[in-house]
Amino acid sequence: MFLHVVMLQLSGAADARFHDRVQGYCDRILAECDGVAGYAFRSNQASRSDGLTHAVVAAFSDAAAHDRYQVSPAHQEMKAYMADFIERLVVFDGEIPTIC
């Protein structure tokens, strides 16, 4: 399994409308992108978040599925929309073992 985690510090302009629209993009990605095992935009509940208040957490069947997602229309539109609301981000991409 391939894991993609994007930790975000959002600006104060990220209101309820922003969150609703991002959720819509998440729904599209789940519906349109082959090989997505899980995809969510969530608040960061960690007490040691260093200001990274939200995250996109995604699991893919393999690295190739992640590569397809990166260029998908839904992901490209989501990134373009979110760009003006992001003050800082940190990304993790990597394979993780799975238990069958």
PDB file of N, CA and C in Angstrom:
ATOM      1  N   MET A   1       0.851  -1.175   0.000  1.00  0.00           N
ATOM      2  CA  MET A   1       0.000   0.000   0.000  1.00  0.00           C
ATOM      3  C   MET A   1       0.894   1.234   0.000  1.00  0.00           C
ATOM      4  N   PHE A   2       0.444   2.275  -0.706  1.00  0.00           N
ATOM      5  CA  PHE A   2       1.180   3.522  -0.800  1.00  0.00           C
ATOM      6  C   PHE A   2       0.401   4.590  -0.044  1.00  0.00           C
ATOM      7  N   LEU A   3       1.069   5.280   0.863  1.00  0.00           N
ATOM      8  CA  LEU A   3       0.434   6.296   1.699  1.00  0.00           C
ATOM      9  C   LEU A   3       0.877   7.687   1.266  1.00  0.00           C
ATOM     10  N   HIS A   4      -0.070   8.614   1.209  1.00  0.00           N
ATOM     11  CA  HIS A   4       0.172  10.012   0.844  1.00  0.00           C
ATOM     12  C   HIS A   4      -0.484  10.866   1.926  1.00  0.00           C
ATOM     13  N   VAL A   5       0.323  11.627   2.673  1.00  0.00           N
ATOM     14  CA  VAL A   5      -0.186  12.473   3.746  1.00  0.00           C
ATOM     15  C   VAL A   5       0.291  13.898   3.505  1.00  0.00           C
ATOM     16  N   VAL A   6      -0.644  14.828   3.457  1.00  0.00           N
ATOM     17  CA  VAL A   6      -0.322  16.239   3.285  1.00  0.00           C
ATOM     18  C   VAL A   6      -0.815  16.976   4.524  1.00  0.00           C
ATOM     19  N   MET A   7       0.128  17.440   5.337  1.00  0.00           N
ATOM     20  CA  MET A   7      -0.203  18.204   6.546  1.00  0.00           C
ATOM     21  C   MET A   7      -0.264  19.679   6.174  1.00  0.00           C
ATOM     22  N   LEU A   8      -1.303  20.377   6.641  1.00  0.00           N
ATOM     23  CA  LEU A   8      -1.567  21.744   6.197  1.00  0.00           C
ATOM     24  C   LEU A   8      -1.749  22.710   7.357  1.00  0.00           C
ATOM     25  N   GLN A   9      -1.229  23.903   7.175  1.00  0.00           N
ATOM     26  CA  GLN A   9      -1.591  25.036   8.013  1.00  0.00           C
ATOM     27  C   GLN A   9      -2.431  25.937   7.126  1.00  0.00           C
ATOM     28  N   LEU A  10      -3.700  26.086   7.464  1.00  0.00           N
ATOM     29  CA  LEU A  10      -4.625  26.856   6.647  1.00  0.00           C
ATOM     30  C   LEU A  10      -4.733  28.290   7.147  1.00  0.00           C
ATOM     31  N   SER A  11      -5.055  29.198   6.234  1.00  0.00           N
ATOM     32  CA  SER A  11      -5.269  30.596   6.595  1.00  0.00           C
ATOM     33  C   SER A  11      -6.643  30.745   7.251  1.00  0.00           C
ATOM     34  N   GLY A  12      -6.866  31.884   7.848  1.00  0.00           N
ATOM     35  CA  GLY A  12      -8.144  32.178   8.467  1.00  0.00           C
ATOM     36  C   GLY A  12      -9.283  32.272   7.465  1.00  0.00           C
ATOM     37  N   ALA A  13      -8.958  32.381   6.183  1.00  0.00           N
ATOM     38  CA  ALA A  13      -9.986  32.467   5.149  1.00  0.00           C
ATOM     39  C   ALA A  13     -10.639  31.119   4.858  1.00  0.00           C
ATOM     40  N   ALA A  14     -10.105  30.041   5.408  1.00  0.00           N
ATOM     41  CA  ALA A  14     -10.654  28.696   5.180  1.00  0.00           C
ATOM     42  C   ALA A  14     -11.898  28.506   6.057  1.00  0.00           C
ATOM     43  N   ASP A  15     -13.019  28.968   5.537  1.00  0.00           N
ATOM     44  CA  ASP A  15     -14.282  28.940   6.272  1.00  0.00           C
ATOM     45  C   ASP A  15     -15.073  27.665   5.966  1.00  0.00           C
ATOM     46  N   ALA A  16     -16.313  27.629   6.424  1.00  0.00           N
ATOM     47  CA  ALA A  16     -17.150  26.447   6.217  1.00  0.00           C
ATOM     48  C   ALA A  16     -17.355  26.165   4.727  1.00  0.00           C
ATOM     49  N   ARG A  17     -17.479  27.194   3.911  1.00  0.00           N
ATOM     50  CA  ARG A  17     -17.635  27.012   2.463  1.00  0.00           C
ATOM     51  C   ARG A  17     -16.402  26.321   1.883  1.00  0.00           C
ATOM     52  N   PHE A  18     -15.220  26.743   2.329  1.00  0.00           N
ATOM     53  CA  PHE A  18     -13.978  26.108   1.892  1.00  0.00           C
ATOM     54  C   PHE A  18     -13.996  24.618   2.231  1.00  0.00           C
ATOM     55  N   HIS A  19     -14.323  24.298   3.483  1.00  0.00           N
ATOM     56  CA  HIS A  19     -14.324  22.900   3.930  1.00  0.00           C
ATOM     57  C   HIS A  19     -15.344  22.067   3.152  1.00  0.00           C
ATOM     58  N   ASP A  20     -16.510  22.628   2.885  1.00  0.00           N
ATOM     59  CA  ASP A  20     -17.525  21.912   2.105  1.00  0.00           C
ATOM     60  C   ASP A  20     -17.031  21.623   0.686  1.00  0.00           C
ATOM     61  N   ARG A  21     -16.384  22.610   0.086  1.00  0.00           N
ATOM     62  CA  ARG A  21     -15.895  22.414  -1.283  1.00  0.00           C
ATOM     63  C   ARG A  21     -14.776  21.377  -1.328  1.00  0.00           C
ATOM     64  N   VAL A  22     -13.872  21.416  -0.343  1.00  0.00           N
ATOM     65  CA  VAL A  22     -12.804  20.417  -0.290  1.00  0.00           C
ATOM     66  C   VAL A  22     -13.394  19.025  -0.098  1.00  0.00           C
ATOM     67  N   GLN A  23     -14.418  18.901   0.719  1.00  0.00           N
ATOM     68  CA  GLN A  23     -15.070  17.601   0.885  1.00  0.00           C
ATOM     69  C   GLN A  23     -15.644  17.105  -0.434  1.00  0.00           C
ATOM     70  N   GLY A  24     -16.177  18.010  -1.222  1.00  0.00           N
ATOM     71  CA  GLY A  24     -16.677  17.642  -2.545  1.00  0.00           C
ATOM     72  C   GLY A  24     -15.564  17.093  -3.438  1.00  0.00           C
ATOM     73  N   TYR A  25     -14.398  17.716  -3.379  1.00  0.00           N
ATOM     74  CA  TYR A  25     -13.260  17.196  -4.145  1.00  0.00           C
ATOM     75  C   TYR A  25     -12.855  15.807  -3.647  1.00  0.00           C
ATOM     76  N   CYS A  26     -12.867  15.622  -2.343  1.00  0.00           N
ATOM     77  CA  CYS A  26     -12.535  14.301  -1.775  1.00  0.00           C
ATOM     78  C   CYS A  26     -13.504  13.243  -2.297  1.00  0.00           C
ATOM     79  N   ASP A  27     -14.773  13.563  -2.321  1.00  0.00           N
ATOM     80  CA  ASP A  27     -15.783  12.631  -2.830  1.00  0.00           C
ATOM     81  C   ASP A  27     -15.516  12.296  -4.298  1.00  0.00           C
ATOM     82  N   ARG A  28     -15.172  13.310  -5.082  1.00  0.00           N
ATOM     83  CA  ARG A  28     -14.855  13.081  -6.495  1.00  0.00           C
ATOM     84  C   ARG A  28     -13.645  12.171  -6.661  1.00  0.00           C
ATOM     85  N   ILE A  29     -12.608  12.423  -5.881  1.00  0.00           N
ATOM     86  CA  ILE A  29     -11.396  11.612  -5.983  1.00  0.00           C
ATOM     87  C   ILE A  29     -11.706  10.157  -5.664  1.00  0.00           C
ATOM     88  N   LEU A  30     -12.474   9.926  -4.617  1.00  0.00           N
ATOM     89  CA  LEU A  30     -12.857   8.548  -4.280  1.00  0.00           C
ATOM     90  C   LEU A  30     -13.645   7.891  -5.408  1.00  0.00           C
ATOM     91  N   ALA A  31     -14.488   8.649  -6.069  1.00  0.00           N
ATOM     92  CA  ALA A  31     -15.330   8.102  -7.128  1.00  0.00           C
ATOM     93  C   ALA A  31     -14.597   7.951  -8.462  1.00  0.00           C
ATOM     94  N   GLU A  32     -13.663   8.848  -8.745  1.00  0.00           N
ATOM     95  CA  GLU A  32     -13.070   8.922 -10.082  1.00  0.00           C
ATOM     96  C   GLU A  32     -11.681   8.294 -10.215  1.00  0.00           C
ATOM     97  N   CYS A  33     -10.957   8.169  -9.123  1.00  0.00           N
ATOM     98  CA  CYS A  33      -9.558   7.741  -9.215  1.00  0.00           C
ATOM     99  C   CYS A  33      -9.419   6.261  -8.873  1.00  0.00           C
ATOM    100  N   ASP A  34      -8.990   5.493  -9.841  1.00  0.00           N
ATOM    101  CA  ASP A  34      -8.771   4.062  -9.664  1.00  0.00           C
ATOM    102  C   ASP A  34      -7.598   3.809  -8.718  1.00  0.00           C
ATOM    103  N   GLY A  35      -7.768   2.851  -7.821  1.00  0.00           N
ATOM    104  CA  GLY A  35      -6.687   2.463  -6.919  1.00  0.00           C
ATOM    105  C   GLY A  35      -6.636   3.229  -5.607  1.00  0.00           C
ATOM    106  N   VAL A  36      -7.633   4.089  -5.352  1.00  0.00           N
ATOM    107  CA  VAL A  36      -7.689   4.822  -4.084  1.00  0.00           C
ATOM    108  C   VAL A  36      -8.391   3.937  -3.057  1.00  0.00           C
ATOM    109  N   ALA A  37      -7.669   3.549  -2.009  1.00  0.00           N
ATOM    110  CA  ALA A  37      -8.235   2.694  -0.965  1.00  0.00           C
ATOM    111  C   ALA A  37      -8.917   3.517   0.118  1.00  0.00           C
ATOM    112  N   GLY A  38      -8.490   4.757   0.301  1.00  0.00           N
ATOM    113  CA  GLY A  38      -9.077   5.652   1.279  1.00  0.00           C
ATOM    114  C   GLY A  38      -8.592   7.061   1.029  1.00  0.00           C
ATOM    115  N   TYR A  39      -9.448   8.056   1.300  1.00  0.00           N
ATOM    116  CA  TYR A  39      -9.085   9.444   1.035  1.00  0.00           C
ATOM    117  C   TYR A  39      -9.913  10.335   1.939  1.00  0.00           C
ATOM    118  N   ALA A  40      -9.253  11.196   2.723  1.00  0.00           N
ATOM    119  CA  ALA A  40      -9.991  12.044   3.658  1.00  0.00           C
ATOM    120  C   ALA A  40      -9.241  13.346   3.917  1.00  0.00           C
ATOM    121  N   PHE A  41     -10.007  14.406   4.136  1.00  0.00           N
ATOM    122  CA  PHE A  41      -9.502  15.700   4.593  1.00  0.00           C
ATOM    123  C   PHE A  41     -10.033  15.870   6.007  1.00  0.00           C
ATOM    124  N   ARG A  42      -9.129  15.968   6.985  1.00  0.00           N
ATOM    125  CA  ARG A  42      -9.547  15.987   8.381  1.00  0.00           C
ATOM    126  C   ARG A  42      -8.777  17.024   9.194  1.00  0.00           C
ATOM    127  N   SER A  43      -9.364  17.423  10.324  1.00  0.00           N
ATOM    128  CA  SER A  43      -8.675  18.260  11.304  1.00  0.00           C
ATOM    129  C   SER A  43      -7.618  17.423  11.992  1.00  0.00           C
ATOM    130  N   ASN A  44      -6.494  18.052  12.296  1.00  0.00           N
ATOM    131  CA  ASN A  44      -5.412  17.384  13.006  1.00  0.00           C
ATOM    132  C   ASN A  44      -5.694  17.465  14.508  1.00  0.00           C
ATOM    133  N   GLN A  45      -5.802  16.337  15.157  1.00  0.00           N
ATOM    134  CA  GLN A  45      -6.109  16.295  16.580  1.00  0.00           C
ATOM    135  C   GLN A  45      -4.865  16.185  17.457  1.00  0.00           C
ATOM    136  N   ALA A  46      -3.680  16.179  16.847  1.00  0.00           N
ATOM    137  CA  ALA A  46      -2.434  16.032  17.607  1.00  0.00           C
ATOM    138  C   ALA A  46      -2.130  17.290  18.418  1.00  0.00           C
ATOM    139  N   SER A  47      -1.727  17.114  19.656  1.00  0.00           N
ATOM    140  CA  SER A  47      -1.367  18.247  20.499  1.00  0.00           C
ATOM    141  C   SER A  47      -0.011  18.835  20.095  1.00  0.00           C
ATOM    142  N   ARG A  48       0.764  18.104  19.326  1.00  0.00           N
ATOM    143  CA  ARG A  48       2.088  18.557  18.897  1.00  0.00           C
ATOM    144  C   ARG A  48       2.129  18.823  17.389  1.00  0.00           C
ATOM    145  N   SER A  49       1.072  19.431  16.875  1.00  0.00           N
ATOM    146  CA  SER A  49       0.901  19.625  15.430  1.00  0.00           C
ATOM    147  C   SER A  49       1.765  20.730  14.835  1.00  0.00           C
ATOM    148  N   ASP A  50       2.368  21.581  15.669  1.00  0.00           N
ATOM    149  CA  ASP A  50       3.210  22.680  15.191  1.00  0.00           C
ATOM    150  C   ASP A  50       2.465  23.564  14.200  1.00  0.00           C
ATOM    151  N   GLY A  51       1.188  23.794  14.449  1.00  0.00           N
ATOM    152  CA  GLY A  51       0.397  24.670  13.602  1.00  0.00           C
ATOM    153  C   GLY A  51      -0.191  24.020  12.365  1.00  0.00           C
ATOM    154  N   LEU A  52       0.120  22.751  12.128  1.00  0.00           N
ATOM    155  CA  LEU A  52      -0.442  22.025  10.977  1.00  0.00           C
ATOM    156  C   LEU A  52      -1.810  21.499  11.408  1.00  0.00           C
ATOM    157  N   THR A  53      -2.830  22.249  11.086  1.00  0.00           N
ATOM    158  CA  THR A  53      -4.161  22.048  11.649  1.00  0.00           C
ATOM    159  C   THR A  53      -5.021  21.023  10.934  1.00  0.00           C
ATOM    160  N   HIS A  54      -4.665  20.690   9.690  1.00  0.00           N
ATOM    161  CA  HIS A  54      -5.466  19.774   8.881  1.00  0.00           C
ATOM    162  C   HIS A  54      -4.559  18.854   8.079  1.00  0.00           C
ATOM    163  N   ALA A  55      -5.156  17.809   7.537  1.00  0.00           N
ATOM    164  CA  ALA A  55      -4.390  16.896   6.686  1.00  0.00           C
ATOM    165  C   ALA A  55      -5.284  16.264   5.638  1.00  0.00           C
ATOM    166  N   VAL A  56      -4.677  15.993   4.498  1.00  0.00           N
ATOM    167  CA  VAL A  56      -5.246  15.095   3.508  1.00  0.00           C
ATOM    168  C   VAL A  56      -4.509  13.785   3.707  1.00  0.00           C
ATOM    169  N   VAL A  57      -5.256  12.724   3.987  1.00  0.00           N
ATOM    170  CA  VAL A  57      -4.664  11.405   4.218  1.00  0.00           C
ATOM    171  C   VAL A  57      -5.238  10.466   3.165  1.00  0.00           C
ATOM    172  N   ALA A  58      -4.331   9.864   2.391  1.00  0.00           N
ATOM    173  CA  ALA A  58      -4.774   9.009   1.294  1.00  0.00           C
ATOM    174  C   ALA A  58      -3.979   7.715   1.280  1.00  0.00           C
ATOM    175  N   ALA A  59      -4.675   6.641   0.970  1.00  0.00           N
ATOM    176  CA  ALA A  59      -4.048   5.334   0.801  1.00  0.00           C
ATOM    177  C   ALA A  59      -4.362   4.841  -0.597  1.00  0.00           C
ATOM    178  N   PHE A  60      -3.338   4.330  -1.273  1.00  0.00           N
ATOM    179  CA  PHE A  60      -3.466   3.846  -2.644  1.00  0.00           C
ATOM    180  C   PHE A  60      -3.025   2.397  -2.709  1.00  0.00           C
ATOM    181  N   SER A  61      -3.550   1.687  -3.676  1.00  0.00           N
ATOM    182  CA  SER A  61      -3.187   0.278  -3.831  1.00  0.00           C
ATOM    183  C   SER A  61      -1.700   0.113  -4.104  1.00  0.00           C
ATOM    184  N   ASP A  62      -1.107   1.075  -4.789  1.00  0.00           N
ATOM    185  CA  ASP A  62       0.325   1.030  -5.093  1.00  0.00           C
ATOM    186  C   ASP A  62       0.790   2.410  -5.554  1.00  0.00           C
ATOM    187  N   ALA A  63       2.082   2.556  -5.787  1.00  0.00           N
ATOM    188  CA  ALA A  63       2.649   3.837  -6.205  1.00  0.00           C
ATOM    189  C   ALA A  63       2.092   4.286  -7.553  1.00  0.00           C
ATOM    190  N   ALA A  64       1.797   3.352  -8.444  1.00  0.00           N
ATOM    191  CA  ALA A  64       1.240   3.711  -9.748  1.00  0.00           C
ATOM    192  C   ALA A  64      -0.133   4.370  -9.605  1.00  0.00           C
ATOM    193  N   ALA A  65      -0.948   3.889  -8.686  1.00  0.00           N
ATOM    194  CA  ALA A  65      -2.255   4.503  -8.433  1.00  0.00           C
ATOM    195  C   ALA A  65      -2.078   5.927  -7.910  1.00  0.00           C
ATOM    196  N   HIS A  66      -1.091   6.121  -7.046  1.00  0.00           N
ATOM    197  CA  HIS A  66      -0.770   7.464  -6.546  1.00  0.00           C
ATOM    198  C   HIS A  66      -0.356   8.372  -7.701  1.00  0.00           C
ATOM    199  N   ASP A  67       0.462   7.873  -8.597  1.00  0.00           N
ATOM    200  CA  ASP A  67       0.904   8.670  -9.749  1.00  0.00           C
ATOM    201  C   ASP A  67      -0.275   9.073 -10.622  1.00  0.00           C
ATOM    202  N   ARG A  68      -1.218   8.166 -10.841  1.00  0.00           N
ATOM    203  CA  ARG A  68      -2.411   8.485 -11.640  1.00  0.00           C
ATOM    204  C   ARG A  68      -3.255   9.556 -10.951  1.00  0.00           C
ATOM    205  N   TYR A  69      -3.407   9.432  -9.645  1.00  0.00           N
ATOM    206  CA  TYR A  69      -4.154  10.413  -8.854  1.00  0.00           C
ATOM    207  C   TYR A  69      -3.532  11.800  -8.975  1.00  0.00           C
ATOM    208  N   GLN A  70      -2.213  11.876  -8.939  1.00  0.00           N
ATOM    209  CA  GLN A  70      -1.531  13.172  -8.970  1.00  0.00           C
ATOM    210  C   GLN A  70      -1.914  13.994 -10.200  1.00  0.00           C
ATOM    211  N   VAL A  71      -2.155  13.353 -11.320  1.00  0.00           N
ATOM    212  CA  VAL A  71      -2.472  14.078 -12.555  1.00  0.00           C
ATOM    213  C   VAL A  71      -3.968  14.075 -12.885  1.00  0.00           C
ATOM    214  N   SER A  72      -4.783  13.507 -12.013  1.00  0.00           N
ATOM    215  CA  SER A  72      -6.221  13.437 -12.272  1.00  0.00           C
ATOM    216  C   SER A  72      -6.844  14.835 -12.231  1.00  0.00           C
ATOM    217  N   PRO A  73      -7.892  15.057 -13.023  1.00  0.00           N
ATOM    218  CA  PRO A  73      -8.564  16.358 -13.013  1.00  0.00           C
ATOM    219  C   PRO A  73      -9.082  16.752 -11.624  1.00  0.00           C
ATOM    220  N   ALA A  74      -9.660  15.810 -10.890  1.00  0.00           N
ATOM    221  CA  ALA A  74     -10.204  16.130  -9.565  1.00  0.00           C
ATOM    222  C   ALA A  74      -9.099  16.618  -8.632  1.00  0.00           C
ATOM    223  N   HIS A  75      -7.941  15.963  -8.640  1.00  0.00           N
ATOM    224  CA  HIS A  75      -6.839  16.376  -7.770  1.00  0.00           C
ATOM    225  C   HIS A  75      -6.256  17.712  -8.213  1.00  0.00           C
ATOM    226  N   GLN A  76      -6.090  17.902  -9.513  1.00  0.00           N
ATOM    227  CA  GLN A  76      -5.553  19.167 -10.017  1.00  0.00           C
ATOM    228  C   GLN A  76      -6.479  20.333  -9.654  1.00  0.00           C
ATOM    229  N   GLU A  77      -7.785  20.144  -9.778  1.00  0.00           N
ATOM    230  CA  GLU A  77      -8.743  21.188  -9.417  1.00  0.00           C
ATOM    231  C   GLU A  77      -8.718  21.459  -7.911  1.00  0.00           C
ATOM    232  N   MET A  78      -8.614  20.410  -7.112  1.00  0.00           N
ATOM    233  CA  MET A  78      -8.553  20.560  -5.656  1.00  0.00           C
ATOM    234  C   MET A  78      -7.318  21.363  -5.255  1.00  0.00           C
ATOM    235  N   LYS A  79      -6.168  21.015  -5.809  1.00  0.00           N
ATOM    236  CA  LYS A  79      -4.928  21.740  -5.497  1.00  0.00           C
ATOM    237  C   LYS A  79      -5.032  23.210  -5.878  1.00  0.00           C
ATOM    238  N   ALA A  80      -5.562  23.487  -7.051  1.00  0.00           N
ATOM    239  CA  ALA A  80      -5.683  24.874  -7.507  1.00  0.00           C
ATOM    240  C   ALA A  80      -6.613  25.666  -6.593  1.00  0.00           C
ATOM    241  N   TYR A  81      -7.720  25.051  -6.187  1.00  0.00           N
ATOM    242  CA  TYR A  81      -8.658  25.745  -5.295  1.00  0.00           C
ATOM    243  C   TYR A  81      -8.032  26.000  -3.921  1.00  0.00           C
ATOM    244  N   MET A  82      -7.365  25.015  -3.361  1.00  0.00           N
ATOM    245  CA  MET A  82      -6.835  25.117  -2.007  1.00  0.00           C
ATOM    246  C   MET A  82      -5.610  26.021  -1.886  1.00  0.00           C
ATOM    247  N   ALA A  83      -4.905  26.252  -2.966  1.00  0.00           N
ATOM    248  CA  ALA A  83      -3.613  26.951  -2.928  1.00  0.00           C
ATOM    249  C   ALA A  83      -3.662  28.288  -2.187  1.00  0.00           C
ATOM    250  N   ASP A  84      -4.691  29.077  -2.417  1.00  0.00           N
ATOM    251  CA  ASP A  84      -4.770  30.397  -1.781  1.00  0.00           C
ATOM    252  C   ASP A  84      -5.094  30.337  -0.289  1.00  0.00           C
ATOM    253  N   PHE A  85      -5.474  29.173   0.208  1.00  0.00           N
ATOM    254  CA  PHE A  85      -5.829  29.017   1.621  1.00  0.00           C
ATOM    255  C   PHE A  85      -4.715  28.361   2.443  1.00  0.00           C
ATOM    256  N   ILE A  86      -3.662  27.914   1.797  1.00  0.00           N
ATOM    257  CA  ILE A  86      -2.595  27.170   2.477  1.00  0.00           C
ATOM    258  C   ILE A  86      -1.435  28.095   2.807  1.00  0.00           C
ATOM    259  N   GLU A  87      -1.088  28.152   4.091  1.00  0.00           N
ATOM    260  CA  GLU A  87       0.064  28.942   4.527  1.00  0.00           C
ATOM    261  C   GLU A  87       1.335  28.100   4.586  1.00  0.00           C
ATOM    262  N   ARG A  88       1.161  26.814   4.863  1.00  0.00           N
ATOM    263  CA  ARG A  88       2.321  25.910   4.962  1.00  0.00           C
ATOM    264  C   ARG A  88       1.836  24.498   4.753  1.00  0.00           C
ATOM    265  N   LEU A  89       2.704  23.667   4.153  1.00  0.00           N
ATOM    266  CA  LEU A  89       2.357  22.249   4.030  1.00  0.00           C
ATOM    267  C   LEU A  89       3.605  21.391   4.089  1.00  0.00           C
ATOM    268  N   VAL A  90       3.395  20.159   4.520  1.00  0.00           N
ATOM    269  CA  VAL A  90       4.434  19.144   4.608  1.00  0.00           C
ATOM    270  C   VAL A  90       3.840  17.871   4.031  1.00  0.00           C
ATOM    271  N   VAL A  91       4.617  17.168   3.185  1.00  0.00           N
ATOM    272  CA  VAL A  91       4.112  15.981   2.505  1.00  0.00           C
ATOM    273  C   VAL A  91       4.933  14.761   2.877  1.00  0.00           C
ATOM    274  N   PHE A  92       4.233  13.649   3.080  1.00  0.00           N
ATOM    275  CA  PHE A  92       4.864  12.330   3.194  1.00  0.00           C
ATOM    276  C   PHE A  92       4.272  11.451   2.111  1.00  0.00           C
ATOM    277  N   ASP A  93       5.129  10.799   1.349  1.00  0.00           N
ATOM    278  CA  ASP A  93       4.748   9.775   0.381  1.00  0.00           C
ATOM    279  C   ASP A  93       5.613   8.562   0.617  1.00  0.00           C
ATOM    280  N   GLY A  94       5.015   7.386   0.706  1.00  0.00           N
ATOM    281  CA  GLY A  94       5.826   6.190   0.850  1.00  0.00           C
ATOM    282  C   GLY A  94       5.016   4.912   0.976  1.00  0.00           C
ATOM    283  N   GLU A  95       5.703   3.829   0.669  1.00  0.00           N
ATOM    284  CA  GLU A  95       5.105   2.499   0.816  1.00  0.00           C
ATOM    285  C   GLU A  95       5.015   2.150   2.300  1.00  0.00           C
ATOM    286  N   ILE A  96       3.942   1.475   2.659  1.00  0.00           N
ATOM    287  CA  ILE A  96       3.801   0.950   4.020  1.00  0.00           C
ATOM    288  C   ILE A  96       3.406  -0.519   3.920  1.00  0.00           C
ATOM    289  N   PRO A  97       3.844  -1.325   4.870  1.00  0.00           N
ATOM    290  CA  PRO A  97       3.464  -2.740   4.830  1.00  0.00           C
ATOM    291  C   PRO A  97       1.994  -2.907   5.174  1.00  0.00           C
ATOM    292  N   THR A  98       1.388  -3.932   4.634  1.00  0.00           N
ATOM    293  CA  THR A  98       0.003  -4.260   4.960  1.00  0.00           C
ATOM    294  C   THR A  98      -0.071  -5.674   5.509  1.00  0.00           C
ATOM    295  N   ILE A  99      -1.046  -5.900   6.333  1.00  0.00           N
ATOM    296  CA  ILE A  99      -1.281  -7.223   6.907  1.00  0.00           C
ATOM    297  C   ILE A  99      -2.491  -7.825   6.189  1.00  0.00           C
ATOM    298  N   CYS A 100      -2.327  -8.993   5.663  1.00  0.00           N
ATOM    299  CA  CYS A 100      -3.436  -9.650   4.932  1.00  0.00           C
ATOM    300  C   CYS A 100      -4.267 -10.498   5.855  1.00  0.00           C
TER     301      CYS A 100
END
